[in-house]
Each structure stands twice: as C-alpha cells, then as structure tokens.
Amino acid sequence: MRQAQKEITVATSGQGLYEISAAAHAFTRESGIGIGQLTAFCRHTSASLVIQENADPDVQRDLVAFFRRLVPDGDPLFVHTMEGPDDMPAHVKSALTQTSLTIPIHNGNLVLGTWQGLYLFEHRRQPHQRKIVLHVLGA
C-alpha cells in the first residue's frame, strides 16, 4: 500500500460551485497509484464538497438557487450571525452536504461518471481561500 497527500487552495468569489476535478485528477495521476481511492476533505465549516453534473452550468446555478431558498441568508431563526447574515446559513448548508468525499481509483484514474465533476461548494457571499486536502491510498 502506498499513499500521498496534497493540499490545494481554491479561490472563491462568493456563493457557488467551483470545479476541482482537474486538480484531483492530476494529483491522482502524479501519485502513481493504479487502484485505490482518493479522499477529498474540505477544511472549513461554511463550505463543502459535492459531486455533481459538469456538463450543464444550469445545474450549478439551480443548486445554489435551491440552497438559497432552503436556507435563506438573514433568517431570523438564527442567533449565530457573528460574520454576517450568511454566517449560520453557510454552516447549515455545509451540514446538509459533505465535507469529505471518497472516489475510487482504477487504472490510475478517478472513477467518476461521464457527467460527474468534483466541486467545492462555497456557501459564503464573500471571496475566500478554501483549503482542500487530497489523500490517495492504494497500490
């Protein structure tokens, strides 16, 4: 068994999905691991990771719109607003999605479907520098 780890930084410009598939694919190939798994871990509580369609950008737009409706910024339900009206809603959105994803590796490639992409899901309005840890394990 071999393993490798790398941290990538994703610059966001506000709420939305930011595809990180290319970085994950490149790291997997560079690792030399032919069969195993990649774990991606988001080191934040107001951003998350999702696997979603990467062919039609309307999918990303619609997901952001849905989450805005589901957990609106400025909802009076929330007490935690230290960093603004999108603070607690961002935490809820992160809790509803995932901070860690595992993707199989086969023949040195990530086993994603034809239309699947790996995304950082930014839940805050302001730009951020998000850290994602990529870890491969296998042979």
N, C-alpha and C. Protein backbone atom coordinates (compact mmCIF):
# COMPACT_ATOMS: atom_id res chain seq x y z
N MET A 1 0.84 -1.19 0.00
CA MET A 1 0.00 0.00 0.00
C MET A 1 0.88 1.24 0.00
N ARG A 2 0.47 2.19 -0.80
CA ARG A 2 1.15 3.49 -0.84
C ARG A 2 0.10 4.56 -0.59
N GLN A 3 0.58 5.73 -0.20
CA GLN A 3 -0.32 6.85 -0.03
C GLN A 3 0.42 8.15 -0.28
N ALA A 4 -0.35 9.17 -0.61
CA ALA A 4 0.20 10.51 -0.84
C ALA A 4 -0.86 11.51 -0.45
N GLN A 5 -0.40 12.71 -0.12
CA GLN A 5 -1.33 13.74 0.32
C GLN A 5 -0.88 15.09 -0.21
N LYS A 6 -1.88 15.93 -0.52
CA LYS A 6 -1.60 17.26 -1.03
C LYS A 6 -2.74 18.18 -0.61
N GLU A 7 -2.39 19.41 -0.29
CA GLU A 7 -3.43 20.41 0.00
C GLU A 7 -3.51 21.38 -1.17
N ILE A 8 -4.73 21.62 -1.65
CA ILE A 8 -4.92 22.61 -2.71
C ILE A 8 -5.71 23.78 -2.15
N THR A 9 -5.53 24.94 -2.74
CA THR A 9 -6.26 26.13 -2.36
C THR A 9 -7.19 26.51 -3.50
N VAL A 10 -8.44 26.76 -3.16
CA VAL A 10 -9.43 27.17 -4.14
C VAL A 10 -9.86 28.59 -3.80
N ALA A 11 -9.63 29.52 -4.72
CA ALA A 11 -10.05 30.91 -4.53
C ALA A 11 -11.50 31.03 -5.00
N THR A 12 -12.38 31.44 -4.09
CA THR A 12 -13.78 31.60 -4.46
C THR A 12 -14.09 33.09 -4.56
N SER A 13 -15.14 33.40 -5.31
CA SER A 13 -15.57 34.80 -5.45
C SER A 13 -16.97 35.01 -4.89
N GLY A 14 -17.43 34.07 -4.08
CA GLY A 14 -18.76 34.15 -3.49
C GLY A 14 -19.47 32.83 -3.64
N GLN A 15 -20.75 32.81 -3.28
CA GLN A 15 -21.53 31.58 -3.31
C GLN A 15 -21.50 30.95 -4.70
N GLY A 16 -21.34 29.62 -4.72
CA GLY A 16 -21.33 28.90 -5.98
C GLY A 16 -20.54 27.63 -5.90
N LEU A 17 -20.52 26.91 -7.01
CA LEU A 17 -19.78 25.67 -7.12
C LEU A 17 -18.52 25.92 -7.95
N TYR A 18 -17.40 25.42 -7.46
CA TYR A 18 -16.09 25.60 -8.09
C TYR A 18 -15.52 24.22 -8.37
N GLU A 19 -15.39 23.90 -9.66
CA GLU A 19 -14.94 22.55 -10.01
C GLU A 19 -13.46 22.36 -9.70
N ILE A 20 -13.15 21.26 -9.01
CA ILE A 20 -11.77 20.93 -8.66
C ILE A 20 -11.38 19.57 -9.24
N SER A 21 -12.14 19.09 -10.20
CA SER A 21 -11.87 17.78 -10.81
C SER A 21 -10.48 17.69 -11.41
N ALA A 22 -10.07 18.73 -12.14
CA ALA A 22 -8.77 18.69 -12.82
C ALA A 22 -7.64 18.54 -11.81
N ALA A 23 -7.70 19.27 -10.71
CA ALA A 23 -6.66 19.17 -9.69
C ALA A 23 -6.65 17.78 -9.06
N ALA A 24 -7.83 17.22 -8.81
CA ALA A 24 -7.93 15.87 -8.22
C ALA A 24 -7.40 14.82 -9.19
N HIS A 25 -7.76 14.94 -10.47
CA HIS A 25 -7.26 14.00 -11.49
C HIS A 25 -5.74 14.09 -11.59
N ALA A 26 -5.21 15.31 -11.66
CA ALA A 26 -3.76 15.49 -11.80
C ALA A 26 -3.01 14.90 -10.61
N PHE A 27 -3.49 15.16 -9.40
CA PHE A 27 -2.84 14.63 -8.21
C PHE A 27 -2.89 13.10 -8.21
N THR A 28 -4.01 12.53 -8.60
CA THR A 28 -4.14 11.07 -8.65
C THR A 28 -3.13 10.48 -9.62
N ARG A 29 -3.02 11.05 -10.81
CA ARG A 29 -2.06 10.55 -11.80
C ARG A 29 -0.62 10.69 -11.30
N GLU A 30 -0.30 11.85 -10.71
CA GLU A 30 1.05 12.10 -10.19
C GLU A 30 1.43 11.13 -9.08
N SER A 31 0.45 10.64 -8.35
CA SER A 31 0.72 9.75 -7.21
C SER A 31 1.23 8.39 -7.66
N GLY A 32 0.90 8.00 -8.89
CA GLY A 32 1.31 6.69 -9.39
C GLY A 32 0.48 5.53 -8.88
N ILE A 33 -0.58 5.83 -8.16
CA ILE A 33 -1.44 4.77 -7.63
C ILE A 33 -2.40 4.32 -8.72
N GLY A 34 -2.41 3.02 -8.98
CA GLY A 34 -3.23 2.46 -10.05
C GLY A 34 -4.62 2.06 -9.60
N ILE A 35 -4.71 1.54 -8.39
CA ILE A 35 -6.01 1.13 -7.84
C ILE A 35 -6.05 1.53 -6.37
N GLY A 36 -7.17 2.12 -5.97
CA GLY A 36 -7.29 2.58 -4.59
C GLY A 36 -8.42 3.58 -4.46
N GLN A 37 -8.17 4.62 -3.67
CA GLN A 37 -9.20 5.63 -3.50
C GLN A 37 -8.59 6.98 -3.20
N LEU A 38 -9.30 8.01 -3.62
CA LEU A 38 -8.96 9.39 -3.30
C LEU A 38 -9.99 9.88 -2.30
N THR A 39 -9.51 10.47 -1.24
CA THR A 39 -10.39 11.16 -0.31
C THR A 39 -10.11 12.65 -0.45
N ALA A 40 -11.16 13.43 -0.62
CA ALA A 40 -11.06 14.89 -0.63
C ALA A 40 -11.74 15.38 0.63
N PHE A 41 -11.07 16.28 1.37
CA PHE A 41 -11.58 16.79 2.63
C PHE A 41 -11.52 18.31 2.64
N CYS A 42 -12.65 18.95 2.90
CA CYS A 42 -12.75 20.40 2.98
C CYS A 42 -12.48 20.84 4.42
N ARG A 43 -11.51 21.72 4.60
CA ARG A 43 -11.09 22.13 5.94
C ARG A 43 -11.88 23.34 6.47
N HIS A 44 -13.15 23.43 6.12
CA HIS A 44 -13.94 24.59 6.50
C HIS A 44 -15.34 24.18 6.95
N THR A 45 -15.99 25.03 7.75
CA THR A 45 -17.34 24.74 8.23
C THR A 45 -18.42 25.52 7.49
N SER A 46 -18.02 26.35 6.53
CA SER A 46 -19.01 27.11 5.76
C SER A 46 -18.83 26.90 4.26
N ALA A 47 -18.21 25.80 3.91
CA ALA A 47 -18.07 25.35 2.53
C ALA A 47 -18.10 23.83 2.57
N SER A 48 -18.37 23.21 1.44
CA SER A 48 -18.48 21.75 1.44
C SER A 48 -18.04 21.20 0.08
N LEU A 49 -18.17 19.89 -0.07
CA LEU A 49 -17.82 19.21 -1.31
C LEU A 49 -19.03 18.46 -1.84
N VAL A 50 -19.18 18.45 -3.15
CA VAL A 50 -20.25 17.70 -3.80
C VAL A 50 -19.73 17.13 -5.11
N ILE A 51 -20.34 16.03 -5.52
CA ILE A 51 -20.14 15.51 -6.88
C ILE A 51 -21.42 15.84 -7.62
N GLN A 52 -21.27 16.53 -8.75
CA GLN A 52 -22.44 16.99 -9.50
C GLN A 52 -22.15 16.95 -10.98
N GLU A 53 -23.20 17.17 -11.75
CA GLU A 53 -23.07 17.23 -13.21
C GLU A 53 -22.16 18.39 -13.60
N ASN A 54 -21.26 18.12 -14.54
CA ASN A 54 -20.34 19.16 -15.00
C ASN A 54 -20.57 19.56 -16.46
N ALA A 55 -21.64 19.07 -17.08
CA ALA A 55 -21.89 19.37 -18.49
C ALA A 55 -22.72 20.64 -18.67
N ASP A 56 -23.70 20.85 -17.82
CA ASP A 56 -24.61 21.99 -17.97
C ASP A 56 -24.47 22.91 -16.77
N PRO A 57 -23.97 24.13 -16.95
CA PRO A 57 -23.79 25.05 -15.83
C PRO A 57 -25.10 25.44 -15.13
N ASP A 58 -26.23 25.19 -15.79
CA ASP A 58 -27.52 25.45 -15.14
C ASP A 58 -27.71 24.58 -13.90
N VAL A 59 -27.08 23.40 -13.88
CA VAL A 59 -27.18 22.53 -12.71
C VAL A 59 -26.58 23.24 -11.50
N GLN A 60 -25.40 23.82 -11.65
CA GLN A 60 -24.77 24.52 -10.54
C GLN A 60 -25.60 25.73 -10.12
N ARG A 61 -26.09 26.49 -11.07
CA ARG A 61 -26.92 27.65 -10.78
C ARG A 61 -28.17 27.24 -10.01
N ASP A 62 -28.82 26.16 -10.46
CA ASP A 62 -30.04 25.69 -9.81
C ASP A 62 -29.77 25.18 -8.40
N LEU A 63 -28.64 24.52 -8.18
CA LEU A 63 -28.30 24.05 -6.83
C LEU A 63 -28.11 25.23 -5.87
N VAL A 64 -27.41 26.26 -6.32
CA VAL A 64 -27.21 27.44 -5.49
C VAL A 64 -28.56 28.08 -5.18
N ALA A 65 -29.42 28.21 -6.20
CA ALA A 65 -30.75 28.80 -6.00
C ALA A 65 -31.58 27.98 -5.02
N PHE A 66 -31.53 26.66 -5.14
CA PHE A 66 -32.28 25.80 -4.23
C PHE A 66 -31.81 25.96 -2.79
N PHE A 67 -30.48 25.96 -2.58
CA PHE A 67 -29.96 26.10 -1.22
C PHE A 67 -30.26 27.48 -0.65
N ARG A 68 -30.27 28.52 -1.49
CA ARG A 68 -30.67 29.85 -1.02
C ARG A 68 -32.12 29.85 -0.54
N ARG A 69 -32.98 29.15 -1.25
CA ARG A 69 -34.39 29.06 -0.85
C ARG A 69 -34.54 28.20 0.41
N LEU A 70 -33.80 27.10 0.46
CA LEU A 70 -33.90 26.17 1.58
C LEU A 70 -33.41 26.80 2.89
N VAL A 71 -32.28 27.51 2.82
CA VAL A 71 -31.67 28.13 3.99
C VAL A 71 -31.32 29.58 3.63
N PRO A 72 -32.30 30.48 3.71
CA PRO A 72 -32.05 31.86 3.27
C PRO A 72 -31.12 32.63 4.21
N ASP A 73 -30.30 33.47 3.62
CA ASP A 73 -29.45 34.37 4.41
C ASP A 73 -30.34 35.32 5.20
N GLY A 74 -29.94 35.64 6.42
CA GLY A 74 -30.67 36.59 7.24
C GLY A 74 -31.91 36.03 7.91
N ASP A 75 -32.09 34.72 7.88
CA ASP A 75 -33.26 34.12 8.52
C ASP A 75 -33.25 34.47 10.02
N PRO A 76 -34.34 35.05 10.56
CA PRO A 76 -34.36 35.44 11.97
C PRO A 76 -34.30 34.26 12.94
N LEU A 77 -34.42 33.04 12.43
CA LEU A 77 -34.29 31.86 13.27
C LEU A 77 -32.90 31.77 13.89
N PHE A 78 -31.89 32.26 13.17
CA PHE A 78 -30.50 32.05 13.57
C PHE A 78 -29.99 33.14 14.51
N VAL A 79 -29.32 32.71 15.56
CA VAL A 79 -28.69 33.61 16.53
C VAL A 79 -27.24 33.88 16.13
N HIS A 80 -26.57 32.88 15.58
CA HIS A 80 -25.15 33.00 15.21
C HIS A 80 -25.02 33.81 13.92
N THR A 81 -24.69 35.09 14.08
CA THR A 81 -24.53 35.99 12.93
C THR A 81 -23.24 36.81 13.05
N MET A 82 -22.25 36.27 13.77
CA MET A 82 -21.01 37.00 14.04
C MET A 82 -20.35 37.55 12.79
N GLU A 83 -20.44 36.81 11.68
CA GLU A 83 -19.77 37.24 10.45
C GLU A 83 -20.77 37.66 9.38
N GLY A 84 -21.98 37.98 9.77
CA GLY A 84 -22.95 38.49 8.82
C GLY A 84 -24.15 37.58 8.66
N PRO A 85 -25.13 38.02 7.85
CA PRO A 85 -26.39 37.28 7.71
C PRO A 85 -26.24 35.94 6.98
N ASP A 86 -25.11 35.71 6.31
CA ASP A 86 -24.91 34.43 5.63
C ASP A 86 -24.08 33.45 6.47
N ASP A 87 -23.72 33.85 7.69
CA ASP A 87 -22.85 33.04 8.54
C ASP A 87 -23.49 31.71 8.92
N MET A 88 -24.57 31.73 9.67
CA MET A 88 -25.20 30.48 10.09
C MET A 88 -25.81 29.72 8.92
N PRO A 89 -26.45 30.39 7.96
CA PRO A 89 -26.94 29.63 6.80
C PRO A 89 -25.82 28.84 6.10
N ALA A 90 -24.62 29.40 6.05
CA ALA A 90 -23.50 28.69 5.43
C ALA A 90 -23.16 27.42 6.22
N HIS A 91 -23.22 27.50 7.55
CA HIS A 91 -22.96 26.31 8.36
C HIS A 91 -24.03 25.24 8.14
N VAL A 92 -25.28 25.66 8.04
CA VAL A 92 -26.38 24.70 7.81
C VAL A 92 -26.20 24.03 6.45
N LYS A 93 -25.90 24.82 5.42
CA LYS A 93 -25.71 24.26 4.07
C LYS A 93 -24.56 23.26 4.06
N SER A 94 -23.50 23.58 4.80
CA SER A 94 -22.37 22.65 4.89
C SER A 94 -22.77 21.36 5.59
N ALA A 95 -23.60 21.48 6.64
CA ALA A 95 -24.06 20.29 7.36
C ALA A 95 -24.98 19.43 6.50
N LEU A 96 -25.69 20.02 5.56
CA LEU A 96 -26.60 19.28 4.68
C LEU A 96 -25.88 18.60 3.52
N THR A 97 -24.66 19.01 3.27
CA THR A 97 -23.88 18.41 2.17
C THR A 97 -22.76 17.57 2.80
N GLN A 98 -21.54 17.67 2.30
CA GLN A 98 -20.46 16.84 2.83
C GLN A 98 -19.17 17.63 2.91
N THR A 99 -18.36 17.31 3.89
CA THR A 99 -17.03 17.92 3.96
C THR A 99 -15.95 16.95 3.50
N SER A 100 -16.33 15.69 3.25
CA SER A 100 -15.38 14.68 2.82
C SER A 100 -16.05 13.76 1.79
N LEU A 101 -15.33 13.47 0.72
CA LEU A 101 -15.82 12.55 -0.32
C LEU A 101 -14.73 11.55 -0.65
N THR A 102 -15.14 10.34 -0.99
CA THR A 102 -14.20 9.31 -1.41
C THR A 102 -14.57 8.86 -2.82
N ILE A 103 -13.55 8.81 -3.69
CA ILE A 103 -13.75 8.42 -5.09
C ILE A 103 -12.79 7.28 -5.39
N PRO A 104 -13.29 6.18 -5.99
CA PRO A 104 -12.40 5.07 -6.35
C PRO A 104 -11.40 5.48 -7.43
N ILE A 105 -10.27 4.80 -7.41
CA ILE A 105 -9.24 4.96 -8.45
C ILE A 105 -9.10 3.61 -9.14
N HIS A 106 -9.12 3.61 -10.47
CA HIS A 106 -8.94 2.39 -11.26
C HIS A 106 -8.06 2.74 -12.45
N ASN A 107 -7.03 1.93 -12.69
CA ASN A 107 -6.07 2.18 -13.77
C ASN A 107 -5.49 3.59 -13.70
N GLY A 108 -5.27 4.08 -12.48
CA GLY A 108 -4.64 5.39 -12.29
C GLY A 108 -5.56 6.57 -12.48
N ASN A 109 -6.85 6.32 -12.69
CA ASN A 109 -7.80 7.41 -12.94
C ASN A 109 -8.93 7.39 -11.91
N LEU A 110 -9.46 8.56 -11.63
CA LEU A 110 -10.64 8.64 -10.77
C LEU A 110 -11.82 8.03 -11.51
N VAL A 111 -12.61 7.25 -10.80
CA VAL A 111 -13.77 6.59 -11.40
C VAL A 111 -15.00 7.49 -11.19
N LEU A 112 -15.02 8.57 -11.96
CA LEU A 112 -16.18 9.46 -11.97
C LEU A 112 -16.98 9.14 -13.22
N GLY A 113 -18.30 9.33 -13.14
CA GLY A 113 -19.15 9.11 -14.29
C GLY A 113 -18.91 10.15 -15.37
N THR A 114 -19.42 9.89 -16.55
CA THR A 114 -19.22 10.76 -17.72
C THR A 114 -19.53 12.21 -17.41
N TRP A 115 -20.60 12.48 -16.71
CA TRP A 115 -21.03 13.86 -16.47
C TRP A 115 -20.78 14.33 -15.04
N GLN A 116 -19.95 13.58 -14.30
CA GLN A 116 -19.71 13.94 -12.90
C GLN A 116 -18.44 14.78 -12.75
N GLY A 117 -18.53 15.77 -11.89
CA GLY A 117 -17.39 16.58 -11.52
C GLY A 117 -17.34 16.73 -10.02
N LEU A 118 -16.14 16.97 -9.49
CA LEU A 118 -15.93 17.20 -8.06
C LEU A 118 -15.89 18.71 -7.84
N TYR A 119 -16.71 19.19 -6.91
CA TYR A 119 -16.86 20.63 -6.69
C TYR A 119 -16.67 21.01 -5.23
N LEU A 120 -16.06 22.17 -5.04
CA LEU A 120 -16.13 22.87 -3.77
C LEU A 120 -17.41 23.70 -3.84
N PHE A 121 -18.25 23.60 -2.83
CA PHE A 121 -19.50 24.34 -2.77
C PHE A 121 -19.31 25.47 -1.75
N GLU A 122 -19.09 26.68 -2.24
CA GLU A 122 -18.90 27.84 -1.37
C GLU A 122 -20.27 28.35 -0.93
N HIS A 123 -20.45 28.47 0.38
CA HIS A 123 -21.73 28.91 0.92
C HIS A 123 -21.73 30.35 1.41
N ARG A 124 -20.58 31.01 1.39
CA ARG A 124 -20.49 32.40 1.85
C ARG A 124 -20.53 33.35 0.66
N ARG A 125 -21.00 34.57 0.92
CA ARG A 125 -21.10 35.60 -0.13
C ARG A 125 -19.75 36.19 -0.51
N GLN A 126 -18.88 36.34 0.48
CA GLN A 126 -17.58 36.98 0.26
C GLN A 126 -16.56 36.00 -0.32
N PRO A 127 -15.56 36.50 -1.03
CA PRO A 127 -14.48 35.64 -1.52
C PRO A 127 -13.70 35.01 -0.36
N HIS A 128 -13.24 33.78 -0.58
CA HIS A 128 -12.45 33.07 0.42
C HIS A 128 -11.34 32.27 -0.28
N GLN A 129 -10.35 31.91 0.48
CA GLN A 129 -9.31 30.98 0.06
C GLN A 129 -9.60 29.68 0.80
N ARG A 130 -10.14 28.69 0.10
CA ARG A 130 -10.55 27.43 0.74
C ARG A 130 -9.46 26.38 0.56
N LYS A 131 -9.22 25.63 1.61
CA LYS A 131 -8.21 24.57 1.61
C LYS A 131 -8.90 23.21 1.51
N ILE A 132 -8.45 22.42 0.55
CA ILE A 132 -8.95 21.06 0.35
C ILE A 132 -7.76 20.11 0.45
N VAL A 133 -7.86 19.10 1.30
CA VAL A 133 -6.81 18.10 1.41
C VAL A 133 -7.21 16.92 0.53
N LEU A 134 -6.30 16.54 -0.37
CA LEU A 134 -6.47 15.37 -1.22
C LEU A 134 -5.55 14.28 -0.70
N HIS A 135 -6.09 13.09 -0.52
CA HIS A 135 -5.31 11.97 0.01
C HIS A 135 -5.61 10.73 -0.82
N VAL A 136 -4.58 10.13 -1.40
CA VAL A 136 -4.76 8.89 -2.15
C VAL A 136 -4.14 7.74 -1.37
N LEU A 137 -4.80 6.59 -1.47
CA LEU A 137 -4.35 5.37 -0.80
C LEU A 137 -4.58 4.22 -1.76
N GLY A 138 -3.57 3.40 -1.96
CA GLY A 138 -3.74 2.26 -2.85
C GLY A 138 -2.42 1.66 -3.27
N ALA A 139 -2.48 0.96 -4.39
CA ALA A 139 -1.28 0.27 -4.90
C ALA A 139 -1.04 0.64 -6.36
